[in-house]
Each structure stands twice: as C-alpha cells, then as structure tokens.
Amino acid sequence: RYESAAKRALLSLWARRSKLGLVGAHIDIASGEWTHRDSGVGTSVDSYFEYLLKAHLLFGDPEFLIMFFQAYTAAKAHLAKPPWYVDVNMDTGNLVWPVFNALQAFWPALEVLAGNLGDA
C-alpha cells in the first residue's frame, strides 16, 4: 500500500518535469502546479534523485532506473557547472543560484551508486 502511494507520488512529479527534464523545488499538492521552479541537486530536490535510484535498488523496478538515468542526464546537462552544480530555472536553464549548499553533499555518493566513479 505504501509502496504504491510512493510510486504514484513519484510518477506525478515525473509527469510534471520540464522540457529540459528538470523538476522544481516546490509543488502545490492540490493543483499540481510548481510553486518554486528552481532546480538543482541540493535543497528540496536532492531526495528526488536519491529516491529514484534507491527505489530501483530496493524494489528492482526497471522503470525507476530508467527514470533515474533520464533525470541524472538532465542534471549533468543543465546543472553541472564545474567544479560543482548550480541551481537553474527548471524551464529555461537560466542560472538562479550559483552557491553550494550542504544538501548537495550526497551527490558524489549517488554517482558511485549509479556507477559513475570518475565524476564522484
């Protein structure tokens, strides 16, 4: 029952990603509209990436892995600004926040889980 509810929530977010393949930081749960369109790998979005990959590892559902790699590819394309990652507008890719935040610290571990040791 809980797995089903969690998957529905994740698929709902997935369906609302931008044309760039990014999700925002906050969404109105009643309307389904994004209320904060900043996207990044840290604050308010970190768990999205983490749960996509860990859901695949936990449940063995290949749909989660496909979704993870599509989201990961979008993050690498639009959020990676060496030497680290930035927050951008989910629709335009325009820079909105070029600052490291502590919740981004999980990213190298996620890359290891995803098999990308070189970037980790």
Protein backbone atom coordinates (compact mmCIF):
# COMPACT_ATOMS: atom_id res chain seq x y z
CA ARG A 1 0.00 0.00 0.00
CA TYR A 2 2.74 2.50 0.94
CA GLU A 3 4.92 1.47 -1.96
CA SER A 4 2.02 2.10 -4.33
CA ALA A 5 1.33 5.55 -2.83
CA ALA A 6 5.00 6.49 -3.03
CA LYS A 7 5.23 5.36 -6.64
CA ARG A 8 2.13 7.37 -7.59
CA ALA A 9 3.66 10.46 -5.99
CA LEU A 10 6.95 9.94 -7.80
CA LEU A 11 5.23 9.36 -11.14
CA SER A 12 3.20 12.52 -10.57
CA LEU A 13 6.40 14.55 -10.13
CA TRP A 14 7.92 12.80 -13.13
CA ALA A 15 4.96 13.75 -15.31
CA ARG A 16 5.44 17.40 -14.35
CA ARG A 17 9.13 17.71 -15.21
CA SER A 18 10.09 20.45 -17.65
CA LYS A 19 11.07 20.06 -21.29
CA LEU A 20 14.66 20.16 -20.02
CA GLY A 21 13.89 17.09 -17.89
CA LEU A 22 14.17 19.02 -14.62
CA VAL A 23 11.84 19.28 -11.63
CA GLY A 24 11.30 22.28 -9.40
CA ALA A 25 11.81 22.63 -5.68
CA HIS A 26 8.19 23.00 -4.50
CA ILE A 27 4.84 21.91 -5.88
CA ASP A 28 1.28 22.71 -4.80
CA ILE A 29 -0.15 19.31 -3.89
CA ALA A 30 -3.72 20.42 -4.58
CA SER A 31 -3.20 21.93 -8.04
CA GLY A 32 -0.06 20.08 -9.18
CA GLU A 33 1.50 23.41 -10.20
CA TRP A 34 5.12 24.19 -9.42
CA THR A 35 5.37 26.99 -6.86
CA HIS A 36 9.19 27.17 -6.86
CA ARG A 37 10.71 26.47 -10.27
CA ASP A 38 14.36 26.38 -9.19
CA SER A 39 16.03 23.05 -9.91
CA GLY A 40 19.30 21.69 -8.57
CA VAL A 41 20.85 18.71 -6.84
CA GLY A 42 20.56 20.16 -3.33
CA THR A 43 17.87 21.72 -1.19
CA SER A 44 14.32 20.47 -1.93
CA VAL A 45 15.36 18.35 -4.92
CA ASP A 46 18.10 16.08 -3.57
CA SER A 47 15.73 13.34 -2.43
CA TYR A 48 14.11 13.17 -5.87
CA PHE A 49 17.33 11.89 -7.44
CA GLU A 50 18.20 9.74 -4.46
CA TYR A 51 14.80 8.04 -4.26
CA LEU A 52 14.65 7.29 -7.98
CA LEU A 53 17.85 5.27 -7.80
CA LYS A 54 17.24 3.74 -4.38
CA ALA A 55 13.70 2.70 -5.36
CA HIS A 56 15.19 0.69 -8.19
CA LEU A 57 17.78 -0.85 -5.87
CA LEU A 58 15.16 -1.68 -3.25
CA PHE A 59 12.28 -2.88 -5.43
CA GLY A 60 14.09 -3.97 -8.59
CA ASP A 61 11.66 -1.99 -10.75
CA PRO A 62 13.46 -1.10 -14.01
CA GLU A 63 11.11 1.87 -14.53
CA PHE A 64 12.78 3.65 -11.60
CA LEU A 65 16.23 3.07 -13.08
CA ILE A 66 15.17 4.44 -16.47
CA MET A 67 13.68 7.48 -14.78
CA PHE A 68 16.80 7.95 -12.66
CA PHE A 69 19.16 7.92 -15.63
CA GLN A 70 16.96 10.35 -17.57
CA ALA A 71 16.86 12.72 -14.57
CA TYR A 72 20.60 12.23 -13.96
CA THR A 73 21.38 13.01 -17.60
CA ALA A 74 19.28 16.18 -17.41
CA ALA A 75 21.11 17.20 -14.22
CA LYS A 76 24.51 16.64 -15.81
CA ALA A 77 23.44 18.63 -18.89
CA HIS A 78 21.82 21.60 -17.15
CA LEU A 79 23.09 21.77 -13.56
CA ALA A 80 26.75 20.78 -13.79
CA LYS A 81 28.93 23.87 -13.91
CA PRO A 82 32.43 22.76 -12.96
CA PRO A 83 33.71 22.48 -10.41
CA TRP A 84 30.25 21.73 -8.98
CA TYR A 85 26.49 22.10 -9.57
CA VAL A 86 24.24 25.15 -9.63
CA ASP A 87 20.50 25.78 -9.37
CA VAL A 88 18.74 26.84 -12.55
CA ASN A 89 15.21 27.66 -13.62
CA MET A 90 13.66 24.30 -14.50
CA ASP A 91 12.12 25.67 -17.72
CA THR A 92 14.86 27.88 -19.14
CA GLY A 93 18.06 26.52 -17.64
CA ASN A 94 18.99 30.06 -16.61
CA LEU A 95 21.22 30.32 -13.55
CA VAL A 96 19.37 31.27 -10.36
CA TRP A 97 21.68 30.18 -7.52
CA PRO A 98 25.43 29.57 -8.03
CA VAL A 99 26.12 28.57 -4.41
CA PHE A 100 26.96 25.21 -2.85
CA ASN A 101 24.54 24.07 -0.15
CA ALA A 102 25.07 21.25 2.33
CA LEU A 103 22.34 19.03 0.86
CA GLN A 104 24.36 18.73 -2.35
CA ALA A 105 26.96 16.72 -0.45
CA PHE A 106 25.11 13.46 -1.17
CA TRP A 107 25.71 13.76 -4.94
CA PRO A 108 29.11 12.01 -5.15
CA ALA A 109 27.73 9.01 -3.24
CA LEU A 110 24.78 8.87 -5.62
CA GLU A 111 27.19 8.91 -8.55
CA VAL A 112 29.04 5.96 -7.02
CA LEU A 113 25.74 4.05 -6.68
CA ALA A 114 24.99 4.91 -10.32
CA GLY A 115 28.37 3.53 -11.39
CA ASN A 116 29.98 6.87 -12.27
CA LEU A 117 33.14 6.64 -10.20
CA GLY A 118 35.03 9.07 -12.42
CA ASP A 119 32.82 12.06 -11.62
CA ALA A 120 32.26 11.08 -7.99
